[in-house]
């Protein structure tokens, strides 16, 4: 379908082709100040989300060892859903909408938003059915058994019953981010994180007159929090309080629009899957060195979990700026945005990496006083810390590539990291290498990922 017939198919209330001044600013404003302004609310929300996960782990620990182990088994699968719906498919949604707005086609942007909702509904239903049917054998394969397996399945089934609300929340947030609106999704993200902690803790531990529901209550905390957040975002877009407006009755399916979102989103989902596989493989390899090494790695990994919001926030802020520049056919500005965002993430994580290399025990001491575990965490942080800025660089350029709609190179960079960790880690463990060499491999894999992503962006035509 050509552009004229597509516009004719869109109802008249949407026919406002000229971008608004707020959108024009993303095409002409100074890049670094604009990036910083868009990044700040994302950083607050993402940090709150990371802290919510840590807080949730803390109060699940009060339920006992089996619930804590159950959360550890289900956590990678829940993170996979979050990564796919927010960073992967969400990036595809933001990219497509930003490119449409950059080209001055607001009618197309509105229709793309409706197509994104359809994708979210299908994906959410798919996650629910998949993990209800295949969750138990997957968790059994990961080492769950007896009471731990029962607790894992209970928690997993509860969380994935609300998969559709998670997908819708992240998709509607991505619609707003595609217009350059970072404030509303960020405030809602912060509110959802707080609600998840309060509701999950109250239902899980049984505060006051509430029953102690255990892992069922913890899972319900996430479902209720995301459902409430989704309802607000839906109202916000349906009522016309955003730059785009959802009008469900106007929906007409266009295969080309689904393809515009999925060509970025589906490829990015592959990257999310690779990330989770890398974590699972590396965790399994570290476990071969014993519980002390595993505990030390776990402490270091918690720091990485707090680093991701920084790179993610800068990267997500770059998506609408790059996308609108590409839509306006200003490739030079799009690349300038990408390099500025990548440099910003690299610089911020360089400072953190340097600090943990110099004083690693300052972080480890927050979680344990066991000298052996602190020593293992010190080995990991000093060996892997140098890779932190390269990880931030790669992740940020990955998001910028989403904005440009050119994602193959950054995804292949993630594949290189996965292969290096898998093959290199296996060779180290079978040859009896000490644990620190595996930790150094993790840092080297981050460096490879960052440099490979940089090369991919540099040599890919936008």
Protein backbone atom coordinates (compact mmCIF):
# COMPACT_ATOMS: atom_id res chain seq x y z
CA UNK A 1 0.00 0.00 0.00
CA UNK A 2 1.47 3.40 -1.00
CA UNK A 3 1.66 6.43 1.26
CA UNK A 4 -1.38 8.15 -0.28
CA UNK A 5 -3.68 5.17 0.12
CA UNK A 6 -2.42 4.60 3.64
CA UNK A 7 -3.22 8.16 4.63
CA UNK A 8 -6.62 7.86 3.02
CA UNK A 9 -7.32 4.78 5.15
CA UNK A 10 -6.66 6.72 8.35
CA UNK A 11 -9.70 8.57 9.80
CA UNK A 12 -9.72 12.35 9.52
CA UNK A 13 -9.22 13.03 13.27
CA UNK A 14 -5.68 11.66 12.85
CA UNK A 15 -4.79 13.65 9.74
CA UNK A 16 -2.31 16.12 11.25
CA UNK A 17 0.88 15.62 9.24
CA UNK A 18 3.00 18.40 10.71
CA UNK A 19 5.05 17.55 13.80
CA UNK A 20 4.37 19.60 16.89
CA UNK A 21 6.99 22.02 18.25
CA UNK A 22 7.96 19.59 21.05
CA UNK A 23 8.80 17.00 18.41
CA UNK A 24 10.64 19.54 16.28
CA UNK A 25 12.91 20.28 19.24
CA UNK A 26 14.24 16.72 19.11
CA UNK A 27 15.29 17.42 15.52
CA UNK A 28 17.08 20.72 16.14
CA UNK A 29 17.94 21.03 19.84
CA UNK A 30 21.50 20.71 21.15
CA UNK A 31 22.19 16.99 21.43
CA UNK A 32 23.96 16.57 24.79
CA UNK A 33 21.62 18.75 26.89
CA UNK A 34 18.59 17.11 25.27
CA UNK A 35 19.97 13.64 25.93
CA UNK A 36 20.62 14.50 29.56
CA UNK A 37 17.12 15.93 29.96
CA UNK A 38 15.53 12.79 28.52
CA UNK A 39 17.86 10.48 30.43
CA UNK A 40 17.26 11.78 33.96
CA UNK A 41 13.65 10.58 34.43
CA UNK A 42 14.53 7.21 32.89
CA UNK A 43 17.43 6.80 35.32
CA UNK A 44 15.22 7.47 38.33
CA UNK A 45 12.57 4.98 37.20
CA UNK A 46 15.04 2.26 36.19
CA UNK A 47 17.00 2.59 39.42
CA UNK A 48 13.74 2.27 41.36
CA UNK A 49 12.93 -0.89 39.40
CA UNK A 50 16.34 -2.38 40.20
CA UNK A 51 16.00 -1.49 43.88
CA UNK A 52 12.51 -3.03 43.87
CA UNK A 53 13.99 -6.33 42.70
CA UNK A 54 16.61 -6.19 45.46
CA UNK A 55 13.97 -5.31 48.08
CA UNK A 56 11.76 -8.12 46.85
CA UNK A 57 14.63 -10.56 47.24
CA UNK A 58 15.17 -9.29 50.79
CA UNK A 59 11.64 -9.93 52.02
CA UNK A 60 11.34 -13.23 50.14
CA UNK A 61 14.34 -14.28 52.20
CA UNK A 62 12.13 -13.86 55.27
CA UNK A 63 9.85 -16.59 53.88
CA UNK A 64 12.64 -19.16 54.00
CA UNK A 65 15.28 -20.86 51.87
CA UNK A 66 12.88 -22.62 49.47
CA UNK A 67 11.05 -19.43 48.44
CA UNK A 68 14.40 -17.67 47.96
CA UNK A 69 15.63 -20.50 45.74
CA UNK A 70 12.30 -20.46 43.88
CA UNK A 71 12.71 -16.77 43.09
CA UNK A 72 16.25 -17.40 41.83
CA UNK A 73 14.98 -20.07 39.41
CA UNK A 74 12.10 -17.99 38.07
CA UNK A 75 13.94 -14.66 37.98
CA UNK A 76 15.73 -15.16 34.60
CA UNK A 77 12.42 -16.00 32.89
CA UNK A 78 10.67 -12.97 34.39
CA UNK A 79 13.61 -10.78 33.40
CA UNK A 80 13.39 -12.19 29.88
CA UNK A 81 9.77 -11.03 29.66
CA UNK A 82 10.70 -7.59 30.97
CA UNK A 83 13.64 -7.25 28.61
CA UNK A 84 11.64 -8.36 25.58
CA UNK A 85 8.61 -6.19 26.30
CA UNK A 86 10.46 -3.04 27.43
CA UNK A 87 13.89 -2.92 25.82
CA UNK A 88 13.43 -5.16 22.78
CA UNK A 89 9.92 -4.92 21.34
CA UNK A 90 9.50 -1.63 23.18
CA UNK A 91 12.48 -0.26 21.29
CA UNK A 92 10.91 -1.39 18.03
CA UNK A 93 7.71 0.45 18.93
CA UNK A 94 9.52 3.67 19.93
CA UNK A 95 11.70 3.51 16.82
CA UNK A 96 8.79 3.09 14.38
CA UNK A 97 6.76 5.89 15.98
CA UNK A 98 9.74 8.26 16.20
CA UNK A 99 10.59 7.69 12.52
CA UNK A 100 6.99 8.40 11.54
CA UNK A 101 6.89 11.61 13.57
CA UNK A 102 10.29 12.66 12.25
CA UNK A 103 8.88 12.32 8.75
CA UNK A 104 5.92 14.51 9.72
CA UNK A 105 3.34 11.69 9.49
CA UNK A 106 1.36 11.83 12.73
CA UNK A 107 -1.45 9.74 11.22
CA UNK A 108 0.95 6.86 10.69
CA UNK A 109 2.32 7.23 14.22
CA UNK A 110 -1.20 6.90 15.67
CA UNK A 111 -1.90 3.78 13.64
CA UNK A 112 1.49 2.28 14.57
CA UNK A 113 0.54 2.70 18.24
CA UNK A 114 -2.59 0.59 17.69
CA UNK A 115 -0.57 -2.09 15.90
CA UNK A 116 1.85 -2.10 18.86
CA UNK A 117 -1.04 -2.79 21.25
CA UNK A 118 -2.10 -5.79 19.14
CA UNK A 119 1.46 -7.16 19.25
CA UNK A 120 1.54 -6.69 23.05
CA UNK A 121 -1.74 -8.54 23.53
CA UNK A 122 -0.56 -11.49 21.44
CA UNK A 123 2.88 -11.60 23.08
CA UNK A 124 1.42 -11.40 26.60
CA UNK A 125 -0.98 -14.25 25.90
CA UNK A 126 1.86 -16.26 24.38
CA UNK A 127 4.04 -15.85 27.49
CA UNK A 128 1.18 -16.90 29.76
CA UNK A 129 0.41 -20.07 27.82
CA UNK A 130 4.08 -20.96 27.29
CA UNK A 131 5.12 -20.78 30.94
CA UNK A 132 1.94 -22.34 32.26
CA UNK A 133 2.57 -25.35 30.04
CA UNK A 134 6.39 -25.54 29.90
CA UNK A 135 7.44 -23.74 33.07
CA UNK A 136 7.63 -26.85 35.29
CA UNK A 137 9.96 -28.85 32.99
CA UNK A 138 12.13 -25.76 32.41
CA UNK A 139 12.55 -25.13 36.15
CA UNK A 140 13.20 -28.84 36.72
CA UNK A 141 15.95 -28.67 34.09
CA UNK A 142 17.47 -25.69 35.88
CA UNK A 143 17.73 -27.73 39.08
CA UNK A 144 14.39 -27.24 40.83
CA UNK A 145 12.92 -30.20 42.69
CA UNK A 146 10.55 -31.12 45.51
CA UNK A 147 9.38 -28.13 47.57
CA UNK A 148 11.55 -25.65 45.69
CA UNK A 149 9.99 -26.69 42.38
CA UNK A 150 6.48 -26.35 43.80
CA UNK A 151 7.24 -22.86 45.10
CA UNK A 152 8.81 -21.88 41.76
CA UNK A 153 5.81 -23.06 39.73
CA UNK A 154 3.38 -21.28 42.08
CA UNK A 155 5.32 -18.01 41.80
CA UNK A 156 5.85 -18.37 38.05
CA UNK A 157 2.22 -19.22 37.26
CA UNK A 158 1.05 -16.20 39.27
CA UNK A 159 3.44 -13.74 37.61
CA UNK A 160 2.83 -15.03 34.08
CA UNK A 161 -0.93 -14.90 34.62
CA UNK A 162 -0.35 -11.15 34.43
CA UNK A 163 2.04 -11.28 31.44
CA UNK A 164 -0.41 -9.32 29.31
CA UNK A 165 -0.39 -6.40 31.76
CA UNK A 166 3.42 -6.32 31.72
CA UNK A 167 3.52 -6.32 27.91
CA UNK A 168 0.84 -3.65 27.66
CA UNK A 169 2.47 -1.44 30.29
CA UNK A 170 5.87 -1.56 28.61
CA UNK A 171 4.40 -1.17 25.12
CA UNK A 172 2.27 1.86 26.02
CA UNK A 173 5.29 3.35 27.79
CA UNK A 174 7.31 2.82 24.61
CA UNK A 175 4.61 4.55 22.56
CA UNK A 176 5.03 7.63 24.74
CA UNK A 177 8.84 7.41 24.62
CA UNK A 178 8.66 7.31 20.84
CA UNK A 179 7.12 10.79 20.96
CA UNK A 180 9.93 12.04 23.20
CA UNK A 181 7.83 11.88 26.39
CA UNK A 182 10.05 10.26 29.02
CA UNK A 183 8.38 11.83 32.07
CA UNK A 184 5.05 9.97 32.17
CA UNK A 185 6.52 6.45 31.61
CA UNK A 186 9.22 7.16 34.18
CA UNK A 187 6.83 8.43 36.88
CA UNK A 188 4.57 5.43 36.24
CA UNK A 189 7.57 3.09 36.33
CA UNK A 190 8.55 4.49 39.71
CA UNK A 191 4.97 4.15 40.99
CA UNK A 192 4.71 0.56 39.77
CA UNK A 193 8.01 -0.35 41.47
CA UNK A 194 6.80 1.09 44.79
CA UNK A 195 3.41 -0.62 44.48
CA UNK A 196 5.09 -3.93 43.68
CA UNK A 197 7.20 -3.74 46.84
CA UNK A 198 4.30 -2.68 49.09
CA UNK A 199 1.63 -5.05 47.72
CA UNK A 200 3.97 -8.00 47.25
CA UNK A 201 5.44 -7.58 50.73
CA UNK A 202 2.06 -7.13 52.39
CA UNK A 203 0.47 -10.15 50.68
CA UNK A 204 3.58 -12.32 50.84
CA UNK A 205 4.41 -11.74 54.52
CA UNK A 206 0.86 -11.10 55.73
CA UNK A 207 0.97 -7.63 57.24
CA UNK A 208 -1.84 -6.71 59.65
CA UNK A 209 -5.13 -8.45 58.82
CA UNK A 210 -3.83 -9.72 55.46
CA UNK A 211 -3.16 -13.47 55.18
CA UNK A 212 0.40 -14.72 54.67
CA UNK A 213 0.19 -15.93 51.04
CA UNK A 214 3.91 -16.56 50.55
CA UNK A 215 5.12 -16.69 46.95
CA UNK A 216 1.55 -16.39 45.69
CA UNK A 217 1.31 -12.99 47.37
CA UNK A 218 4.71 -11.90 46.06
CA UNK A 219 3.64 -12.76 42.52
CA UNK A 220 0.31 -10.98 42.96
CA UNK A 221 2.21 -7.85 43.93
CA UNK A 222 3.72 -7.65 40.45
CA UNK A 223 0.45 -8.50 38.70
CA UNK A 224 -1.59 -5.87 40.57
CA UNK A 225 1.09 -3.16 40.25
CA UNK A 226 1.51 -3.57 36.49
CA UNK A 227 -2.24 -3.87 35.93
CA UNK A 228 -2.84 -0.55 37.68
CA UNK A 229 -0.02 1.08 35.73
CA UNK A 230 -1.45 -0.25 32.46
CA UNK A 231 -4.91 1.11 33.25
CA UNK A 232 -3.50 4.58 33.83
CA UNK A 233 -1.42 4.58 30.63
CA UNK A 234 -4.40 3.33 28.61
CA UNK A 235 -6.57 6.13 30.02
CA UNK A 236 -3.81 8.67 29.33
CA UNK A 237 -3.62 7.69 25.65
CA UNK A 238 -7.33 7.06 25.10
CA UNK A 239 -8.31 10.40 26.63
CA UNK A 240 -6.00 12.35 24.34
CA UNK A 241 -3.59 13.61 27.02
CA UNK A 242 -0.56 12.53 24.97
CA UNK A 243 0.82 13.69 21.62
CA UNK A 244 -0.65 10.54 20.13
CA UNK A 245 -4.16 9.26 20.76
CA UNK A 246 -5.37 5.68 20.79
CA UNK A 247 -8.72 5.26 18.99
CA UNK A 248 -9.37 1.49 18.89
CA UNK A 249 -12.35 1.78 16.52
CA UNK A 250 -10.03 3.33 13.92
CA UNK A 251 -7.76 0.27 13.79
CA UNK A 252 -7.18 -1.23 10.35
CA UNK A 253 -4.54 -3.94 10.16
CA UNK A 254 -1.63 -3.16 7.83
CA UNK A 255 1.01 -5.87 7.40
CA UNK A 256 3.59 -3.21 6.56
CA UNK A 257 3.07 -1.55 9.94
CA UNK A 258 3.43 -4.79 11.84
CA UNK A 259 6.63 -5.39 9.84
CA UNK A 260 7.94 -1.89 10.64
CA UNK A 261 7.73 -2.64 14.38
CA UNK A 262 8.77 -6.29 14.22
CA UNK A 263 11.82 -5.80 11.98
CA UNK A 264 13.42 -4.08 14.96
CA UNK A 265 11.49 -5.57 17.88
CA UNK A 266 11.73 -9.23 16.88
CA UNK A 267 15.45 -8.95 16.19
CA UNK A 268 15.93 -7.21 19.54
CA UNK A 269 14.07 -10.04 21.29
CA UNK A 270 16.78 -12.36 20.02
CA UNK A 271 19.32 -10.12 21.73
CA UNK A 272 17.38 -10.35 25.01
CA UNK A 273 17.35 -14.14 24.74
CA UNK A 274 21.10 -14.14 24.19
CA UNK A 275 21.62 -11.98 27.28
CA UNK A 276 19.63 -14.35 29.49
CA UNK A 277 21.45 -17.38 28.05
CA UNK A 278 24.79 -15.69 28.76
CA UNK A 279 23.79 -15.13 32.40
CA UNK A 280 22.53 -18.71 32.81
CA UNK A 281 25.64 -20.25 31.24
CA UNK A 282 28.04 -18.09 33.24
CA UNK A 283 26.19 -18.79 36.49
CA UNK A 284 26.37 -22.51 35.81
CA UNK A 285 30.10 -22.28 35.11
CA UNK A 286 30.80 -20.30 38.28
CA UNK A 287 28.80 -22.83 40.32
CA UNK A 288 31.43 -25.46 39.44
CA UNK A 289 33.94 -23.55 41.56
CA UNK A 290 31.82 -23.96 44.68
CA UNK A 291 29.35 -22.02 46.77
CA UNK A 292 31.87 -19.36 47.87
CA UNK A 293 32.72 -18.40 44.29
CA UNK A 294 29.02 -18.42 43.38
CA UNK A 295 28.15 -16.18 46.32
CA UNK A 296 30.95 -13.77 45.42
CA UNK A 297 29.81 -13.65 41.81
CA UNK A 298 26.25 -13.05 42.98
CA UNK A 299 27.34 -9.95 44.89
CA UNK A 300 29.17 -8.63 41.83
CA UNK A 301 26.20 -9.38 39.59
CA UNK A 302 23.99 -7.28 41.87
CA UNK A 303 26.19 -4.30 41.07
CA UNK A 304 25.84 -5.02 37.35
CA UNK A 305 22.08 -5.04 37.84
CA UNK A 306 22.37 -1.47 39.12
CA UNK A 307 24.65 -0.46 36.21
CA UNK A 308 22.14 -1.48 33.54
CA UNK A 309 19.69 1.35 34.38
CA UNK A 310 22.37 3.92 33.56
CA UNK A 311 23.15 2.57 30.09
CA UNK A 312 19.50 1.68 29.49
CA UNK A 313 18.32 5.17 30.42
CA UNK A 314 20.76 6.91 28.08
CA UNK A 315 20.08 4.39 25.31
CA UNK A 316 16.30 4.65 25.53
CA UNK A 317 16.58 8.45 25.51
CA UNK A 318 18.51 8.22 22.24
CA UNK A 319 15.84 6.13 20.47
CA UNK A 320 13.34 8.94 19.68
CA UNK A 321 16.15 11.38 18.85
CA UNK A 322 17.76 8.95 16.41
CA UNK A 323 14.41 7.77 15.06
CA UNK A 324 13.10 11.27 14.36
CA UNK A 325 16.38 12.26 12.73
CA UNK A 326 16.21 9.19 10.48
CA UNK A 327 12.57 9.95 9.68
CA UNK A 328 13.59 13.51 8.73
CA UNK A 329 16.44 12.00 6.63
CA UNK A 330 19.10 13.71 8.75
CA UNK A 331 21.47 10.75 9.06
CA UNK A 332 24.39 12.89 10.22
CA UNK A 333 22.42 14.08 13.26
CA UNK A 334 21.24 10.54 14.00
CA UNK A 335 24.83 9.30 14.11
CA UNK A 336 25.89 12.27 16.21
CA UNK A 337 23.18 11.38 18.74
CA UNK A 338 24.35 7.75 18.79
CA UNK A 339 28.01 8.60 19.40
CA UNK A 340 27.12 11.19 22.05
CA UNK A 341 24.88 8.72 23.91
CA UNK A 342 27.49 5.97 23.69
CA UNK A 343 30.20 8.28 25.01
CA UNK A 344 27.98 9.40 27.87
CA UNK A 345 27.28 5.82 28.96
CA UNK A 346 30.95 4.86 28.55
CA UNK A 347 32.08 7.76 30.72
CA UNK A 348 29.55 7.15 33.49
CA UNK A 349 30.31 3.43 33.76
CA UNK A 350 34.07 4.09 33.54
CA UNK A 351 33.84 6.01 36.82
CA UNK A 352 31.91 3.19 38.50
CA UNK A 353 34.25 0.55 37.08
CA UNK A 354 37.30 2.43 38.37
CA UNK A 355 35.80 2.78 41.84
CA UNK A 356 35.02 -0.94 42.20
CA UNK A 357 38.47 -1.88 40.95
CA UNK A 358 40.13 0.39 43.52
CA UNK A 359 37.80 -0.30 46.49
CA UNK A 360 35.77 -3.45 45.67
CA UNK A 361 35.17 -4.33 49.31
CA UNK A 362 33.10 -1.17 49.79
CA UNK A 363 30.37 -2.82 47.74
CA UNK A 364 30.82 -6.41 48.91
CA UNK A 365 30.73 -5.41 52.58
CA UNK A 366 27.15 -4.25 52.16
CA UNK A 367 25.98 -7.84 51.67
CA UNK A 368 28.24 -10.09 53.73
CA UNK A 369 30.94 -10.16 56.39
CA UNK A 370 32.23 -13.58 55.31
CA UNK A 371 35.89 -13.03 54.39
CA UNK A 372 35.96 -15.86 51.84
CA UNK A 373 32.92 -14.52 49.98
CA UNK A 374 34.28 -10.96 50.11
CA UNK A 375 37.54 -12.24 48.60
CA UNK A 376 35.66 -13.99 45.79
CA UNK A 377 33.59 -10.85 45.09
CA UNK A 378 36.80 -8.83 45.08
CA UNK A 379 38.25 -11.15 42.43
CA UNK A 380 35.18 -10.73 40.26
CA UNK A 381 34.89 -6.95 40.57
CA UNK A 382 38.59 -6.25 39.97
CA UNK A 383 38.68 -8.62 36.99
CA UNK A 384 35.40 -7.60 35.38
CA UNK A 385 35.25 -3.92 36.37
CA UNK A 386 37.30 -2.83 33.37
CA UNK A 387 34.61 -4.25 31.11
CA UNK A 388 31.77 -2.18 32.63
CA UNK A 389 32.24 0.91 30.41
CA UNK A 390 32.40 -1.23 27.26
CA UNK A 391 29.20 -3.00 28.30
CA UNK A 392 27.54 0.40 28.72
CA UNK A 393 28.84 1.56 25.35
CA UNK A 394 27.54 -1.53 23.58
CA UNK A 395 24.12 -1.44 25.25
CA UNK A 396 23.66 2.25 24.50
CA UNK A 397 24.65 1.90 20.83
CA UNK A 398 22.30 -1.09 20.60
CA UNK A 399 19.38 1.18 21.53
CA UNK A 400 20.54 3.89 19.15
CA UNK A 401 20.56 1.26 16.40
CA UNK A 402 16.96 0.44 17.31
CA UNK A 403 16.10 4.07 16.63
CA UNK A 404 17.73 3.80 13.22
CA UNK A 405 16.02 0.49 12.46
CA UNK A 406 19.42 -1.17 11.87
CA UNK A 407 19.93 -3.86 14.51
CA UNK A 408 21.65 -6.85 12.91
CA UNK A 409 25.19 -5.77 13.80
CA UNK A 410 24.57 -5.10 17.51
CA UNK A 411 22.68 -8.40 17.84
CA UNK A 412 25.62 -10.26 16.31
CA UNK A 413 27.89 -8.49 18.80
CA UNK A 414 25.77 -10.06 21.56
CA UNK A 415 26.21 -13.41 19.84
CA UNK A 416 29.99 -13.00 19.99
CA UNK A 417 29.76 -12.33 23.73
CA UNK A 418 27.62 -15.42 24.25
CA UNK A 419 30.01 -17.62 22.27
CA UNK A 420 33.07 -16.30 24.11
CA UNK A 421 31.50 -16.89 27.52
CA UNK A 422 30.19 -20.34 26.57
CA UNK A 423 33.23 -21.80 24.81
CA UNK A 424 35.88 -19.89 26.75
CA UNK A 425 34.26 -20.66 30.10
CA UNK A 426 33.91 -24.33 29.28
CA UNK A 427 37.60 -24.56 28.30
CA UNK A 428 38.68 -22.85 31.51
CA UNK A 429 36.60 -25.09 33.76
CA UNK A 430 37.55 -28.40 32.11
CA UNK A 431 41.24 -27.46 32.32
CA UNK A 432 41.05 -26.66 36.02
CA UNK A 433 41.72 -22.91 35.71
CA UNK A 434 41.18 -20.85 38.89
CA UNK A 435 37.96 -18.89 39.38
CA UNK A 436 39.56 -15.50 38.72
CA UNK A 437 40.24 -16.49 35.11
CA UNK A 438 36.51 -17.03 34.58
CA UNK A 439 35.82 -13.62 36.08
CA UNK A 440 38.42 -12.08 33.77
CA UNK A 441 36.66 -13.80 30.88
CA UNK A 442 33.42 -12.04 31.87
CA UNK A 443 35.21 -8.68 31.67
CA UNK A 444 36.80 -9.57 28.33
CA UNK A 445 33.40 -10.57 26.96
CA UNK A 446 32.03 -7.14 27.92
CA UNK A 447 34.93 -5.44 26.13
CA UNK A 448 34.36 -7.57 23.03
CA UNK A 449 30.64 -6.77 23.07
CA UNK A 450 31.26 -3.03 23.30
CA UNK A 451 33.90 -2.90 20.58
CA UNK A 452 31.96 -5.19 18.24
CA UNK A 453 28.83 -3.07 18.65
CA UNK A 454 30.85 0.09 18.00
CA UNK A 455 32.26 -1.43 14.81
CA UNK A 456 28.80 -2.56 13.71
CA UNK A 457 27.35 0.94 14.12
CA UNK A 458 30.37 2.52 12.46
CA UNK A 459 30.20 0.37 9.33
CA UNK A 460 26.42 -0.11 9.00
CA UNK A 461 24.68 2.23 6.60
CA UNK A 462 21.83 4.14 8.26
